[in-house]
Amino acid sequence: MSHLSAIFSLGCVEAGLDEAGRGCLAGPVVAAAVILPSDFDHPRLNDSKKLSPACRIELRQHIQIHAISYGIGLASVEEIDRINILNATFLAMHRAVKQLRVTPELLLIDGNRFHNQSQIPHTCIIGGDARYQSIAAASIIAKVERDLLMEQLDRNFPEYNWRQNKGYPTIAHKQAIAAYGRSIHHRLSFKTG
């Protein structure tokens, strides 16, 4: 049995939302929205950052099979540079909600801020991905989706080793930027030094 709470509000169709890639130097920011059945449970479900890549992939498949609905939204590097990472994250979250086949009655947002552009009420929950199953499920789907995207980009830009660092500002990634310059997939609005 999972240590996470199954629901936030009794009798309400809830969608958990989370993002991946907000602190990266390259690639899009990816968000996911997940509506789980009230009896959903998986003992290893947790914040994606606390799970191994293999466990995340296994859980992603389980979530996608058993979820009432899930959606994935992205905001591009160009959008991140134009409207800033925070607003791009909100944009990706709204795009994820629009992909849901079922309209939720409440959005559970991991974090402390959200610019709601929909008529759906929302609640921000700091550390929500370690507290509620639907947010943890969204964190897993967003993380796996973004990792797969970065691995695809790595095929054409192997010098940045995105297969390994996924675009995060590791020392090796920063050294590669210093040696090769920025690629078309790097966020120009982010400092690399």
N, C-alpha and C. Protein backbone atom coordinates (compact mmCIF):
# COMPACT_ATOMS: atom_id res chain seq x y z
N MET A 1 0.84 -1.19 0.00
CA MET A 1 0.00 0.00 0.00
C MET A 1 0.89 1.25 0.00
N SER A 2 0.52 2.22 -0.81
CA SER A 2 1.28 3.46 -0.90
C SER A 2 1.10 4.29 0.37
N HIS A 3 2.16 5.01 0.74
CA HIS A 3 2.10 5.93 1.89
C HIS A 3 1.44 7.26 1.51
N LEU A 4 1.13 7.45 0.24
CA LEU A 4 0.55 8.71 -0.23
C LEU A 4 -0.96 8.71 -0.07
N SER A 5 -1.53 9.88 0.12
CA SER A 5 -2.99 10.00 0.22
C SER A 5 -3.61 9.78 -1.15
N ALA A 6 -4.73 9.08 -1.15
CA ALA A 6 -5.41 8.80 -2.41
C ALA A 6 -6.15 10.02 -2.93
N ILE A 7 -6.74 10.79 -2.04
CA ILE A 7 -7.55 11.93 -2.48
C ILE A 7 -7.31 13.15 -1.59
N PHE A 8 -7.59 14.31 -2.16
CA PHE A 8 -7.53 15.56 -1.42
C PHE A 8 -8.92 15.98 -0.96
N SER A 9 -9.90 15.84 -1.86
CA SER A 9 -11.27 16.26 -1.57
C SER A 9 -12.24 15.12 -1.90
N LEU A 10 -12.92 14.62 -0.93
CA LEU A 10 -13.81 13.47 -1.08
C LEU A 10 -14.92 13.75 -2.10
N GLY A 11 -15.13 12.80 -2.99
CA GLY A 11 -16.21 12.88 -3.96
C GLY A 11 -15.96 13.85 -5.10
N CYS A 12 -14.70 14.23 -5.31
CA CYS A 12 -14.35 15.22 -6.33
C CYS A 12 -13.40 14.57 -7.34
N VAL A 13 -13.62 14.85 -8.62
CA VAL A 13 -12.71 14.34 -9.66
C VAL A 13 -11.48 15.25 -9.68
N GLU A 14 -10.36 14.71 -9.21
CA GLU A 14 -9.13 15.48 -9.06
C GLU A 14 -8.11 15.11 -10.12
N ALA A 15 -7.42 16.11 -10.64
CA ALA A 15 -6.28 15.88 -11.52
C ALA A 15 -5.04 16.41 -10.83
N GLY A 16 -4.06 15.54 -10.65
CA GLY A 16 -2.78 15.97 -10.12
C GLY A 16 -1.92 16.49 -11.25
N LEU A 17 -1.17 17.58 -11.00
CA LEU A 17 -0.29 18.17 -12.01
C LEU A 17 1.11 18.36 -11.47
N ASP A 18 2.08 18.07 -12.32
CA ASP A 18 3.48 18.34 -11.98
C ASP A 18 4.25 18.53 -13.27
N GLU A 19 5.48 19.01 -13.13
CA GLU A 19 6.32 19.29 -14.29
C GLU A 19 7.69 18.65 -14.13
N ALA A 20 8.41 18.60 -15.24
CA ALA A 20 9.80 18.16 -15.23
C ALA A 20 10.60 19.06 -16.17
N GLY A 21 11.81 19.37 -15.76
CA GLY A 21 12.70 20.14 -16.62
C GLY A 21 12.74 21.62 -16.38
N ARG A 22 12.18 22.06 -15.29
CA ARG A 22 12.13 23.49 -15.03
C ARG A 22 13.53 24.07 -14.80
N GLY A 23 14.41 23.33 -14.16
CA GLY A 23 15.75 23.83 -13.85
C GLY A 23 16.81 23.47 -14.87
N CYS A 24 16.41 23.01 -16.03
CA CYS A 24 17.37 22.58 -17.05
C CYS A 24 17.88 23.75 -17.88
N LEU A 25 19.01 23.54 -18.53
CA LEU A 25 19.58 24.53 -19.43
C LEU A 25 19.12 24.30 -20.87
N ALA A 26 18.57 23.12 -21.14
CA ALA A 26 18.19 22.77 -22.51
C ALA A 26 16.90 21.95 -22.50
N GLY A 27 16.21 22.02 -23.62
CA GLY A 27 15.01 21.23 -23.82
C GLY A 27 13.76 21.89 -23.28
N PRO A 28 12.61 21.33 -23.63
CA PRO A 28 11.33 21.89 -23.19
C PRO A 28 11.06 21.60 -21.72
N VAL A 29 10.08 22.30 -21.17
CA VAL A 29 9.53 21.92 -19.87
C VAL A 29 8.31 21.07 -20.18
N VAL A 30 8.16 19.97 -19.46
CA VAL A 30 7.08 19.01 -19.70
C VAL A 30 6.21 18.91 -18.46
N ALA A 31 4.90 18.96 -18.66
CA ALA A 31 3.96 18.81 -17.56
C ALA A 31 3.04 17.63 -17.84
N ALA A 32 2.52 17.05 -16.77
CA ALA A 32 1.53 15.99 -16.90
C ALA A 32 0.38 16.25 -15.94
N ALA A 33 -0.80 15.83 -16.35
CA ALA A 33 -2.00 15.87 -15.52
C ALA A 33 -2.54 14.45 -15.46
N VAL A 34 -2.89 13.99 -14.28
CA VAL A 34 -3.35 12.61 -14.10
C VAL A 34 -4.58 12.56 -13.21
N ILE A 35 -5.60 11.86 -13.67
CA ILE A 35 -6.78 11.55 -12.86
C ILE A 35 -6.74 10.06 -12.57
N LEU A 36 -6.66 9.71 -11.30
CA LEU A 36 -6.60 8.31 -10.88
C LEU A 36 -7.95 7.87 -10.30
N PRO A 37 -8.27 6.58 -10.44
CA PRO A 37 -9.47 6.09 -9.74
C PRO A 37 -9.26 6.16 -8.23
N SER A 38 -10.34 6.28 -7.48
CA SER A 38 -10.24 6.44 -6.03
C SER A 38 -9.60 5.23 -5.34
N ASP A 39 -9.67 4.06 -5.98
CA ASP A 39 -9.09 2.86 -5.37
C ASP A 39 -7.70 2.55 -5.91
N PHE A 40 -7.10 3.47 -6.66
CA PHE A 40 -5.77 3.24 -7.21
C PHE A 40 -4.76 3.13 -6.07
N ASP A 41 -3.83 2.21 -6.20
CA ASP A 41 -2.78 2.08 -5.21
C ASP A 41 -1.60 1.33 -5.82
N HIS A 42 -0.43 1.80 -5.55
CA HIS A 42 0.80 1.09 -5.92
C HIS A 42 1.82 1.37 -4.82
N PRO A 43 2.39 0.32 -4.23
CA PRO A 43 3.26 0.51 -3.06
C PRO A 43 4.51 1.35 -3.33
N ARG A 44 4.96 1.41 -4.59
CA ARG A 44 6.19 2.15 -4.88
C ARG A 44 5.93 3.55 -5.43
N LEU A 45 4.66 3.92 -5.57
CA LEU A 45 4.35 5.24 -6.09
C LEU A 45 4.90 6.31 -5.16
N ASN A 46 5.67 7.26 -5.74
CA ASN A 46 6.31 8.29 -4.94
C ASN A 46 6.73 9.43 -5.86
N ASP A 47 7.24 10.49 -5.28
CA ASP A 47 7.84 11.58 -6.02
C ASP A 47 8.87 11.00 -6.99
N SER A 48 8.80 11.39 -8.26
CA SER A 48 9.67 10.82 -9.29
C SER A 48 11.16 10.98 -8.97
N LYS A 49 11.52 12.04 -8.26
CA LYS A 49 12.93 12.27 -7.93
C LYS A 49 13.47 11.23 -6.95
N LYS A 50 12.59 10.52 -6.27
CA LYS A 50 13.02 9.53 -5.29
C LYS A 50 13.05 8.11 -5.87
N LEU A 51 12.80 7.98 -7.17
CA LEU A 51 12.72 6.67 -7.81
C LEU A 51 13.83 6.50 -8.84
N SER A 52 14.23 5.25 -9.05
CA SER A 52 15.22 4.97 -10.08
C SER A 52 14.58 5.12 -11.46
N PRO A 53 15.38 5.34 -12.50
CA PRO A 53 14.80 5.43 -13.85
C PRO A 53 13.99 4.20 -14.23
N ALA A 54 14.48 3.02 -13.89
CA ALA A 54 13.76 1.78 -14.23
C ALA A 54 12.41 1.72 -13.52
N CYS A 55 12.38 2.12 -12.26
CA CYS A 55 11.14 2.13 -11.49
C CYS A 55 10.16 3.14 -12.07
N ARG A 56 10.66 4.32 -12.47
CA ARG A 56 9.78 5.33 -13.08
C ARG A 56 9.13 4.80 -14.35
N ILE A 57 9.91 4.13 -15.18
CA ILE A 57 9.37 3.60 -16.44
C ILE A 57 8.30 2.55 -16.16
N GLU A 58 8.57 1.68 -15.20
CA GLU A 58 7.59 0.64 -14.83
C GLU A 58 6.30 1.27 -14.29
N LEU A 59 6.46 2.26 -13.40
CA LEU A 59 5.29 2.93 -12.82
C LEU A 59 4.53 3.73 -13.86
N ARG A 60 5.24 4.35 -14.80
CA ARG A 60 4.57 5.11 -15.85
C ARG A 60 3.60 4.21 -16.62
N GLN A 61 4.07 3.01 -16.98
CA GLN A 61 3.21 2.09 -17.71
C GLN A 61 1.99 1.71 -16.87
N HIS A 62 2.21 1.42 -15.60
CA HIS A 62 1.12 1.05 -14.70
C HIS A 62 0.10 2.19 -14.58
N ILE A 63 0.61 3.41 -14.43
CA ILE A 63 -0.27 4.58 -14.30
C ILE A 63 -1.08 4.78 -15.58
N GLN A 64 -0.42 4.70 -16.72
CA GLN A 64 -1.12 4.94 -17.98
C GLN A 64 -2.20 3.89 -18.24
N ILE A 65 -1.98 2.68 -17.79
CA ILE A 65 -2.98 1.61 -17.96
C ILE A 65 -4.17 1.83 -17.03
N HIS A 66 -3.91 2.23 -15.79
CA HIS A 66 -4.95 2.28 -14.77
C HIS A 66 -5.57 3.66 -14.53
N ALA A 67 -4.98 4.71 -15.05
CA ALA A 67 -5.53 6.06 -14.85
C ALA A 67 -6.87 6.21 -15.55
N ILE A 68 -7.74 7.00 -14.97
CA ILE A 68 -8.98 7.36 -15.65
C ILE A 68 -8.64 8.16 -16.89
N SER A 69 -7.67 9.07 -16.75
CA SER A 69 -7.17 9.85 -17.87
C SER A 69 -5.85 10.48 -17.49
N TYR A 70 -5.03 10.74 -18.49
CA TYR A 70 -3.80 11.49 -18.27
C TYR A 70 -3.52 12.33 -19.52
N GLY A 71 -2.83 13.44 -19.31
CA GLY A 71 -2.45 14.31 -20.41
C GLY A 71 -1.05 14.81 -20.23
N ILE A 72 -0.39 15.10 -21.34
CA ILE A 72 0.98 15.61 -21.33
C ILE A 72 1.00 16.91 -22.12
N GLY A 73 1.67 17.93 -21.56
CA GLY A 73 1.82 19.21 -22.24
C GLY A 73 3.26 19.68 -22.19
N LEU A 74 3.67 20.37 -23.23
CA LEU A 74 5.03 20.87 -23.31
C LEU A 74 5.02 22.37 -23.56
N ALA A 75 6.08 23.03 -23.13
CA ALA A 75 6.37 24.39 -23.56
C ALA A 75 7.78 24.36 -24.13
N SER A 76 7.93 24.91 -25.31
CA SER A 76 9.19 24.83 -26.04
C SER A 76 10.25 25.76 -25.46
N VAL A 77 11.48 25.55 -25.92
CA VAL A 77 12.59 26.42 -25.53
C VAL A 77 12.28 27.86 -25.93
N GLU A 78 11.72 28.05 -27.12
CA GLU A 78 11.37 29.40 -27.58
C GLU A 78 10.34 30.05 -26.66
N GLU A 79 9.35 29.27 -26.24
CA GLU A 79 8.34 29.80 -25.32
C GLU A 79 8.95 30.12 -23.96
N ILE A 80 9.84 29.26 -23.48
CA ILE A 80 10.52 29.51 -22.21
C ILE A 80 11.28 30.83 -22.27
N ASP A 81 12.02 31.04 -23.35
CA ASP A 81 12.80 32.27 -23.49
C ASP A 81 11.92 33.50 -23.65
N ARG A 82 10.76 33.33 -24.27
CA ARG A 82 9.88 34.47 -24.53
C ARG A 82 9.06 34.88 -23.30
N ILE A 83 8.52 33.89 -22.55
CA ILE A 83 7.59 34.24 -21.47
C ILE A 83 8.13 33.91 -20.08
N ASN A 84 9.28 33.35 -19.97
CA ASN A 84 10.03 32.92 -18.77
C ASN A 84 9.59 31.51 -18.34
N ILE A 85 10.44 30.88 -17.57
CA ILE A 85 10.23 29.47 -17.22
C ILE A 85 8.99 29.26 -16.36
N LEU A 86 8.69 30.18 -15.47
CA LEU A 86 7.51 30.00 -14.62
C LEU A 86 6.24 30.01 -15.46
N ASN A 87 6.10 31.00 -16.32
CA ASN A 87 4.91 31.07 -17.16
C ASN A 87 4.86 29.94 -18.17
N ALA A 88 6.03 29.51 -18.65
CA ALA A 88 6.07 28.37 -19.57
C ALA A 88 5.62 27.09 -18.86
N THR A 89 5.97 26.97 -17.58
CA THR A 89 5.52 25.80 -16.80
C THR A 89 4.01 25.80 -16.68
N PHE A 90 3.43 26.96 -16.38
CA PHE A 90 1.96 27.06 -16.30
C PHE A 90 1.33 26.73 -17.65
N LEU A 91 1.94 27.21 -18.73
CA LEU A 91 1.42 26.92 -20.07
C LEU A 91 1.43 25.42 -20.35
N ALA A 92 2.53 24.76 -20.01
CA ALA A 92 2.62 23.30 -20.21
C ALA A 92 1.57 22.57 -19.38
N MET A 93 1.32 23.05 -18.16
CA MET A 93 0.30 22.43 -17.30
C MET A 93 -1.09 22.59 -17.91
N HIS A 94 -1.40 23.77 -18.41
CA HIS A 94 -2.71 23.97 -19.05
C HIS A 94 -2.86 23.08 -20.29
N ARG A 95 -1.79 22.93 -21.02
CA ARG A 95 -1.84 22.04 -22.19
C ARG A 95 -2.06 20.59 -21.77
N ALA A 96 -1.47 20.18 -20.66
CA ALA A 96 -1.68 18.82 -20.16
C ALA A 96 -3.13 18.61 -19.75
N VAL A 97 -3.73 19.59 -19.06
CA VAL A 97 -5.13 19.49 -18.64
C VAL A 97 -6.04 19.38 -19.85
N LYS A 98 -5.73 20.11 -20.92
CA LYS A 98 -6.56 20.07 -22.13
C LYS A 98 -6.52 18.71 -22.82
N GLN A 99 -5.49 17.91 -22.53
CA GLN A 99 -5.38 16.57 -23.12
C GLN A 99 -6.21 15.53 -22.37
N LEU A 100 -6.72 15.87 -21.20
CA LEU A 100 -7.52 14.92 -20.42
C LEU A 100 -8.83 14.62 -21.12
N ARG A 101 -9.24 13.36 -21.11
CA ARG A 101 -10.52 12.95 -21.71
C ARG A 101 -11.69 13.23 -20.76
N VAL A 102 -11.39 13.41 -19.48
CA VAL A 102 -12.39 13.69 -18.45
C VAL A 102 -12.07 15.06 -17.87
N THR A 103 -13.07 15.90 -17.71
CA THR A 103 -12.84 17.22 -17.13
C THR A 103 -12.79 17.12 -15.61
N PRO A 104 -11.66 17.49 -15.01
CA PRO A 104 -11.57 17.41 -13.55
C PRO A 104 -12.37 18.53 -12.88
N GLU A 105 -12.70 18.29 -11.63
CA GLU A 105 -13.41 19.30 -10.83
C GLU A 105 -12.45 20.09 -9.95
N LEU A 106 -11.22 19.58 -9.83
CA LEU A 106 -10.21 20.23 -9.00
C LEU A 106 -8.83 19.88 -9.55
N LEU A 107 -7.96 20.88 -9.63
CA LEU A 107 -6.57 20.66 -10.04
C LEU A 107 -5.69 20.73 -8.80
N LEU A 108 -4.89 19.71 -8.59
CA LEU A 108 -3.92 19.68 -7.50
C LEU A 108 -2.55 19.95 -8.09
N ILE A 109 -1.99 21.11 -7.77
CA ILE A 109 -0.75 21.56 -8.36
C ILE A 109 0.41 21.34 -7.39
N ASP A 110 1.47 20.68 -7.87
CA ASP A 110 2.66 20.55 -7.04
C ASP A 110 3.38 21.89 -7.04
N GLY A 111 3.55 22.49 -5.87
CA GLY A 111 4.24 23.77 -5.77
C GLY A 111 3.41 24.80 -5.04
N ASN A 112 3.89 26.04 -5.10
CA ASN A 112 3.22 27.09 -4.33
C ASN A 112 2.57 28.17 -5.20
N ARG A 113 2.65 28.03 -6.53
CA ARG A 113 2.08 29.04 -7.42
C ARG A 113 1.48 28.39 -8.66
N PHE A 114 0.41 29.01 -9.14
CA PHE A 114 -0.21 28.57 -10.40
C PHE A 114 -1.05 29.71 -10.93
N HIS A 115 -0.90 29.99 -12.20
CA HIS A 115 -1.72 31.01 -12.84
C HIS A 115 -2.83 30.28 -13.59
N ASN A 116 -3.98 30.21 -12.97
CA ASN A 116 -5.08 29.42 -13.51
C ASN A 116 -5.82 30.21 -14.59
N GLN A 117 -5.83 29.63 -15.80
CA GLN A 117 -6.52 30.25 -16.93
C GLN A 117 -7.79 29.47 -17.29
N SER A 118 -8.17 28.56 -16.43
CA SER A 118 -9.36 27.74 -16.70
C SER A 118 -10.43 28.07 -15.66
N GLN A 119 -11.59 27.46 -15.83
CA GLN A 119 -12.68 27.62 -14.86
C GLN A 119 -12.61 26.57 -13.76
N ILE A 120 -11.60 25.72 -13.81
CA ILE A 120 -11.46 24.62 -12.84
C ILE A 120 -10.74 25.15 -11.60
N PRO A 121 -11.32 24.98 -10.42
CA PRO A 121 -10.62 25.40 -9.20
C PRO A 121 -9.31 24.65 -9.02
N HIS A 122 -8.39 25.25 -8.32
CA HIS A 122 -7.10 24.59 -8.09
C HIS A 122 -6.63 24.81 -6.66
N THR A 123 -5.74 23.92 -6.23
CA THR A 123 -5.07 24.03 -4.93
C THR A 123 -3.59 23.75 -5.15
N CYS A 124 -2.74 24.63 -4.67
CA CYS A 124 -1.29 24.43 -4.73
C CYS A 124 -0.84 23.72 -3.46
N ILE A 125 0.00 22.72 -3.62
CA ILE A 125 0.46 21.92 -2.49
C ILE A 125 1.98 21.80 -2.57
N ILE A 126 2.68 22.43 -1.67
CA ILE A 126 4.13 22.32 -1.62
C ILE A 126 4.49 20.88 -1.25
N GLY A 127 5.36 20.27 -2.04
CA GLY A 127 5.72 18.87 -1.80
C GLY A 127 4.59 17.91 -2.11
N GLY A 128 3.67 18.34 -2.95
CA GLY A 128 2.51 17.52 -3.28
C GLY A 128 2.85 16.19 -3.93
N ASP A 129 3.98 16.13 -4.64
CA ASP A 129 4.37 14.88 -5.29
C ASP A 129 4.80 13.82 -4.29
N ALA A 130 5.02 14.20 -3.04
CA ALA A 130 5.34 13.24 -1.98
C ALA A 130 4.17 13.05 -1.03
N ARG A 131 3.00 13.65 -1.39
CA ARG A 131 1.84 13.59 -0.49
C ARG A 131 0.59 12.99 -1.13
N TYR A 132 0.41 13.21 -2.42
CA TYR A 132 -0.82 12.77 -3.10
C TYR A 132 -0.50 11.91 -4.32
N GLN A 133 -1.25 10.82 -4.44
CA GLN A 133 -0.97 9.86 -5.51
C GLN A 133 -1.08 10.47 -6.91
N SER A 134 -2.10 11.29 -7.14
CA SER A 134 -2.27 11.83 -8.49
C SER A 134 -1.13 12.77 -8.87
N ILE A 135 -0.61 13.53 -7.91
CA ILE A 135 0.52 14.42 -8.21
C ILE A 135 1.79 13.60 -8.42
N ALA A 136 1.99 12.58 -7.60
CA ALA A 136 3.15 11.70 -7.78
C ALA A 136 3.09 11.03 -9.15
N ALA A 137 1.90 10.59 -9.55
CA ALA A 137 1.74 9.96 -10.87
C ALA A 137 2.07 10.95 -11.97
N ALA A 138 1.63 12.19 -11.81
CA ALA A 138 1.94 13.23 -12.82
C ALA A 138 3.44 13.50 -12.86
N SER A 139 4.09 13.50 -11.70
CA SER A 139 5.54 13.75 -11.68
C SER A 139 6.28 12.66 -12.42
N ILE A 140 5.83 11.42 -12.29
CA ILE A 140 6.47 10.29 -12.96
C ILE A 140 6.27 10.38 -14.47
N ILE A 141 5.05 10.63 -14.90
CA ILE A 141 4.79 10.70 -16.35
C ILE A 141 5.57 11.86 -16.96
N ALA A 142 5.57 13.02 -16.32
CA ALA A 142 6.29 14.18 -16.86
C ALA A 142 7.79 13.90 -16.93
N LYS A 143 8.34 13.31 -15.89
CA LYS A 143 9.78 13.03 -15.85
C LYS A 143 10.19 12.02 -16.92
N VAL A 144 9.45 10.94 -17.04
CA VAL A 144 9.80 9.92 -18.04
C VAL A 144 9.66 10.50 -19.45
N GLU A 145 8.59 11.23 -19.69
CA GLU A 145 8.38 11.83 -21.02
C GLU A 145 9.53 12.77 -21.36
N ARG A 146 9.92 13.62 -20.43
CA ARG A 146 11.00 14.56 -20.71
C ARG A 146 12.33 13.85 -20.90
N ASP A 147 12.61 12.86 -20.07
CA ASP A 147 13.85 12.09 -20.23
C ASP A 147 13.93 11.45 -21.61
N LEU A 148 12.82 10.89 -22.07
CA LEU A 148 12.80 10.27 -23.41
C LEU A 148 13.04 11.30 -24.50
N LEU A 149 12.46 12.49 -24.35
CA LEU A 149 12.69 13.57 -25.32
C LEU A 149 14.16 13.97 -25.36
N MET A 150 14.78 14.10 -24.20
CA MET A 150 16.18 14.50 -24.15
C MET A 150 17.09 13.41 -24.72
N GLU A 151 16.73 12.15 -24.52
CA GLU A 151 17.51 11.06 -25.11
C GLU A 151 17.39 11.09 -26.64
N GLN A 152 16.23 11.46 -27.17
CA GLN A 152 16.08 11.60 -28.62
C GLN A 152 16.93 12.75 -29.14
N LEU A 153 16.92 13.90 -28.44
CA LEU A 153 17.73 15.04 -28.86
C LEU A 153 19.22 14.72 -28.79
N ASP A 154 19.60 13.86 -27.86
CA ASP A 154 21.00 13.48 -27.69
C ASP A 154 21.57 12.80 -28.95
N ARG A 155 20.72 12.15 -29.71
CA ARG A 155 21.19 11.45 -30.92
C ARG A 155 21.83 12.42 -31.91
N ASN A 156 21.29 13.63 -31.99
CA ASN A 156 21.82 14.63 -32.92
C ASN A 156 22.81 15.59 -32.26
N PHE A 157 22.85 15.59 -30.93
CA PHE A 157 23.74 16.49 -30.19
C PHE A 157 24.47 15.72 -29.09
N PRO A 158 25.23 14.65 -29.47
CA PRO A 158 25.85 13.80 -28.45
C PRO A 158 26.91 14.52 -27.61
N GLU A 159 27.46 15.63 -28.13
CA GLU A 159 28.52 16.33 -27.40
C GLU A 159 28.05 16.89 -26.06
N TYR A 160 26.72 17.06 -25.88
CA TYR A 160 26.21 17.61 -24.62
C TYR A 160 25.82 16.52 -23.62
N ASN A 161 25.83 15.27 -24.07
CA ASN A 161 25.54 14.11 -23.21
C ASN A 161 24.18 14.23 -22.51
N TRP A 162 23.16 14.65 -23.28
CA TRP A 162 21.82 14.76 -22.71
C TRP A 162 21.23 13.42 -22.32
N ARG A 163 21.73 12.36 -22.92
CA ARG A 163 21.28 11.02 -22.53
C ARG A 163 21.56 10.79 -21.05
N GLN A 164 22.65 11.38 -20.58
CA GLN A 164 23.03 11.22 -19.18
C GLN A 164 22.49 12.34 -18.30
N ASN A 165 22.73 13.61 -18.70
CA ASN A 165 22.39 14.72 -17.80
C ASN A 165 20.99 15.28 -18.02
N LYS A 166 20.32 14.87 -19.09
CA LYS A 166 18.94 15.28 -19.41
C LYS A 166 18.77 16.80 -19.50
N GLY A 167 19.88 17.52 -19.73
CA GLY A 167 19.80 18.97 -19.88
C GLY A 167 20.00 19.75 -18.60
N TYR A 168 20.17 19.04 -17.48
CA TYR A 168 20.39 19.74 -16.21
C TYR A 168 21.79 20.34 -16.19
N PRO A 169 22.02 21.35 -15.36
CA PRO A 169 23.30 22.08 -15.37
C PRO A 169 24.41 21.35 -14.62
N THR A 170 24.76 20.16 -15.08
CA THR A 170 25.89 19.45 -14.49
C THR A 170 27.19 20.13 -14.92
N ILE A 171 28.25 19.83 -14.24
CA ILE A 171 29.56 20.40 -14.59
C ILE A 171 29.93 20.01 -16.02
N ALA A 172 29.72 18.73 -16.36
CA ALA A 172 30.07 18.25 -17.70
C ALA A 172 29.23 18.95 -18.77
N HIS A 173 27.97 19.19 -18.49
CA HIS A 173 27.11 19.88 -19.46
C HIS A 173 27.60 21.31 -19.65
N LYS A 174 27.93 21.99 -18.57
CA LYS A 174 28.43 23.37 -18.67
C LYS A 174 29.76 23.41 -19.42
N GLN A 175 30.60 22.41 -19.20
CA GLN A 175 31.88 22.34 -19.92
C GLN A 175 31.65 22.13 -21.41
N ALA A 176 30.65 21.31 -21.75
CA ALA A 176 30.33 21.08 -23.17
C ALA A 176 29.82 22.36 -23.83
N ILE A 177 29.02 23.13 -23.10
CA ILE A 177 28.54 24.42 -23.64
C ILE A 177 29.72 25.36 -23.87
N ALA A 178 30.66 25.37 -22.92
CA ALA A 178 31.85 26.23 -23.07
C ALA A 178 32.68 25.81 -24.27
N ALA A 179 32.74 24.50 -24.53
CA ALA A 179 33.56 23.99 -25.63
C ALA A 179 32.86 24.11 -26.99
N TYR A 180 31.56 23.87 -27.05
CA TYR A 180 30.84 23.79 -28.33
C TYR A 180 29.84 24.93 -28.55
N GLY A 181 29.63 25.75 -27.53
CA GLY A 181 28.60 26.77 -27.64
C GLY A 181 27.23 26.18 -27.37
N ARG A 182 26.21 27.02 -27.48
CA ARG A 182 24.85 26.56 -27.24
C ARG A 182 24.25 25.99 -28.52
N SER A 183 23.40 25.00 -28.34
CA SER A 183 22.68 24.41 -29.47
C SER A 183 21.34 25.13 -29.64
N ILE A 184 20.60 24.73 -30.66
CA ILE A 184 19.25 25.29 -30.86
C ILE A 184 18.29 24.86 -29.77
N HIS A 185 18.68 23.87 -28.98
CA HIS A 185 17.80 23.36 -27.91
C HIS A 185 18.15 23.96 -26.54
N HIS A 186 19.14 24.83 -26.49
CA HIS A 186 19.49 25.48 -25.23
C HIS A 186 18.61 26.70 -25.00
N ARG A 187 18.31 26.95 -23.74
CA ARG A 187 17.50 28.11 -23.35
C ARG A 187 18.42 29.33 -23.25
N LEU A 188 18.22 30.26 -24.12
CA LEU A 188 19.09 31.44 -24.19
C LEU A 188 18.91 32.34 -22.97
N SER A 189 17.77 32.25 -22.32
CA SER A 189 17.49 33.09 -21.15
C SER A 189 18.10 32.55 -19.87
N PHE A 190 18.73 31.37 -19.94
CA PHE A 190 19.32 30.76 -18.76
C PHE A 190 20.84 30.98 -18.76
N LYS A 191 21.41 31.30 -17.61
CA LYS A 191 22.85 31.45 -17.48
C LYS A 191 23.49 30.08 -17.45
N THR A 192 24.60 29.93 -18.17
CA THR A 192 25.28 28.62 -18.23
C THR A 192 26.59 28.63 -17.49
N GLY A 193 27.02 29.77 -16.98
CA GLY A 193 28.33 29.85 -16.32
C GLY A 193 28.23 29.78 -14.83
